[in-house]
Amino acid sequence: MGIRLFNAKQIVRRILLSPETSSIVPKGHFVVYVGETLKRFVVPISYLKNPSFQKLLSHVEEEYGFNHPMGGLTIPCSEEVFTSLTACD
């Protein structure tokens, strides 16, 4: 079952309103921490419409949930997988 766009928008809204990230993230973007080293990526909200990105978010939600203390979304895949997925957009 894919992630519902409504849930994704709620997650991004919570991230963007976080005091830790709100002043350093451009409007229309959100922060994603990827991989073992938690490399920080700032990605456009338009990625939420990408079916591959939605599938990745759905998998992350099922495995780990979205409650992370860093203020951004943590995606535990490799940086290479994430960059190849986002390069297709």
C-alpha atoms as a PDB file:
ATOM      1  CA  MET A   1       0.000   0.000   0.000  1.00  0.00           C
ATOM      2  CA  GLY A   2       1.503   3.326  -1.075  1.00  0.00           C
ATOM      3  CA  ILE A   3       1.887   6.334   1.154  1.00  0.00           C
ATOM      4  CA  ARG A   4      -1.028   8.691   0.930  1.00  0.00           C
ATOM      5  CA  LEU A   5      -0.080  12.153  -0.301  1.00  0.00           C
ATOM      6  CA  PHE A   6      -2.017  13.648   2.638  1.00  0.00           C
ATOM      7  CA  ASN A   7       0.258  11.871   5.140  1.00  0.00           C
ATOM      8  CA  ALA A   8       3.352  12.964   3.241  1.00  0.00           C
ATOM      9  CA  LYS A   9       2.201  16.591   3.316  1.00  0.00           C
ATOM     10  CA  GLN A  10       1.655  16.392   7.079  1.00  0.00           C
ATOM     11  CA  ILE A  11       5.156  15.007   7.543  1.00  0.00           C
ATOM     12  CA  VAL A  12       6.731  17.723   5.421  1.00  0.00           C
ATOM     13  CA  ARG A  13       4.720  20.432   7.193  1.00  0.00           C
ATOM     14  CA  ARG A  14       6.007  19.172  10.573  1.00  0.00           C
ATOM     15  CA  ILE A  15       9.577  19.139   9.250  1.00  0.00           C
ATOM     16  CA  LEU A  16       9.352  22.632   7.759  1.00  0.00           C
ATOM     17  CA  LEU A  17       7.916  24.077  10.966  1.00  0.00           C
ATOM     18  CA  SER A  18      10.697  22.564  13.065  1.00  0.00           C
ATOM     19  CA  PRO A  19      12.789  25.393  14.577  1.00  0.00           C
ATOM     20  CA  GLU A  20      15.957  23.451  13.761  1.00  0.00           C
ATOM     21  CA  THR A  21      15.353  23.474  10.000  1.00  0.00           C
ATOM     22  CA  SER A  22      12.918  26.294   9.220  1.00  0.00           C
ATOM     23  CA  SER A  23      15.538  29.027   8.797  1.00  0.00           C
ATOM     24  CA  ILE A  24      17.937  27.041   6.614  1.00  0.00           C
ATOM     25  CA  VAL A  25      15.629  25.260   4.166  1.00  0.00           C
ATOM     26  CA  PRO A  26      14.428  27.141   1.077  1.00  0.00           C
ATOM     27  CA  LYS A  27      10.710  27.544   0.629  1.00  0.00           C
ATOM     28  CA  GLY A  28       9.232  24.593  -1.254  1.00  0.00           C
ATOM     29  CA  HIS A  29      11.879  22.145  -0.003  1.00  0.00           C
ATOM     30  CA  PHE A  30      12.409  19.750   2.900  1.00  0.00           C
ATOM     31  CA  VAL A  31      15.374  18.050   4.550  1.00  0.00           C
ATOM     32  CA  VAL A  32      16.132  14.353   4.202  1.00  0.00           C
ATOM     33  CA  TYR A  33      18.941  12.567   6.049  1.00  0.00           C
ATOM     34  CA  VAL A  34      20.182   9.549   4.102  1.00  0.00           C
ATOM     35  CA  GLY A  35      22.386   6.554   4.792  1.00  0.00           C
ATOM     36  CA  GLU A  36      24.537   5.474   7.687  1.00  0.00           C
ATOM     37  CA  THR A  37      26.315   8.837   7.871  1.00  0.00           C
ATOM     38  CA  LEU A  38      22.995  10.713   7.705  1.00  0.00           C
ATOM     39  CA  LYS A  39      24.068  12.883   4.802  1.00  0.00           C
ATOM     40  CA  ARG A  40      21.764  15.887   4.564  1.00  0.00           C
ATOM     41  CA  PHE A  41      19.834  16.505   1.342  1.00  0.00           C
ATOM     42  CA  VAL A  42      17.470  19.419   0.699  1.00  0.00           C
ATOM     43  CA  VAL A  43      14.884  18.214  -1.798  1.00  0.00           C
ATOM     44  CA  PRO A  44      11.928  19.935  -3.460  1.00  0.00           C
ATOM     45  CA  ILE A  45       8.442  19.151  -2.224  1.00  0.00           C
ATOM     46  CA  SER A  46       7.577  18.164  -5.810  1.00  0.00           C
ATOM     47  CA  TYR A  47       9.355  14.847  -5.089  1.00  0.00           C
ATOM     48  CA  LEU A  48       6.285  13.865  -3.080  1.00  0.00           C
ATOM     49  CA  LYS A  49       4.455  13.386  -6.391  1.00  0.00           C
ATOM     50  CA  ASN A  50       7.103  10.975  -7.716  1.00  0.00           C
ATOM     51  CA  PRO A  51       5.782   7.377  -7.475  1.00  0.00           C
ATOM     52  CA  SER A  52       9.269   5.983  -6.743  1.00  0.00           C
ATOM     53  CA  PHE A  53       9.803   8.488  -3.935  1.00  0.00           C
ATOM     54  CA  GLN A  54       6.334   7.712  -2.536  1.00  0.00           C
ATOM     55  CA  LYS A  55       7.185   4.008  -2.548  1.00  0.00           C
ATOM     56  CA  LEU A  56      10.452   4.716  -0.700  1.00  0.00           C
ATOM     57  CA  LEU A  57       8.627   6.830   1.898  1.00  0.00           C
ATOM     58  CA  SER A  58       6.023   4.126   2.360  1.00  0.00           C
ATOM     59  CA  HIS A  59       8.731   1.526   2.969  1.00  0.00           C
ATOM     60  CA  VAL A  60      10.531   3.823   5.430  1.00  0.00           C
ATOM     61  CA  GLU A  61       7.293   4.505   7.303  1.00  0.00           C
ATOM     62  CA  GLU A  62       6.518   0.801   7.618  1.00  0.00           C
ATOM     63  CA  GLU A  63      10.018  -0.109   8.800  1.00  0.00           C
ATOM     64  CA  TYR A  64      11.024   2.873  10.938  1.00  0.00           C
ATOM     65  CA  GLY A  65       8.184   5.387  11.298  1.00  0.00           C
ATOM     66  CA  PHE A  66       8.598   9.121  10.831  1.00  0.00           C
ATOM     67  CA  ASN A  67       9.295  10.314  14.370  1.00  0.00           C
ATOM     68  CA  HIS A  68      12.945  11.382  14.237  1.00  0.00           C
ATOM     69  CA  PRO A  69      14.685  13.834  16.602  1.00  0.00           C
ATOM     70  CA  MET A  70      16.820  15.538  13.921  1.00  0.00           C
ATOM     71  CA  GLY A  71      13.920  17.602  12.567  1.00  0.00           C
ATOM     72  CA  GLY A  72      14.208  16.087   9.112  1.00  0.00           C
ATOM     73  CA  LEU A  73      13.142  12.856   7.540  1.00  0.00           C
ATOM     74  CA  THR A  74      15.612   9.975   7.952  1.00  0.00           C
ATOM     75  CA  ILE A  75      15.831   7.498   5.091  1.00  0.00           C
ATOM     76  CA  PRO A  76      18.071   4.518   5.885  1.00  0.00           C
ATOM     77  CA  CYS A  77      18.935   3.575   2.300  1.00  0.00           C
ATOM     78  CA  SER A  78      22.371   4.102   0.766  1.00  0.00           C
ATOM     79  CA  GLU A  79      23.256   7.518  -0.609  1.00  0.00           C
ATOM     80  CA  GLU A  80      23.755   5.953  -4.044  1.00  0.00           C
ATOM     81  CA  VAL A  81      20.216   4.526  -4.094  1.00  0.00           C
ATOM     82  CA  PHE A  82      18.760   7.856  -2.962  1.00  0.00           C
ATOM     83  CA  THR A  83      20.664   9.939  -5.513  1.00  0.00           C
ATOM     84  CA  SER A  84      19.795   7.543  -8.346  1.00  0.00           C
ATOM     85  CA  LEU A  85      16.119   7.679  -7.346  1.00  0.00           C
ATOM     86  CA  THR A  86      16.076  11.478  -7.186  1.00  0.00           C
ATOM     87  CA  ALA A  87      18.104  11.907 -10.391  1.00  0.00           C
ATOM     88  CA  CYS A  88      15.219  10.432 -12.381  1.00  0.00           C
ATOM     89  CA  ASP A  89      12.923  13.310 -11.447  1.00  0.00           C
END
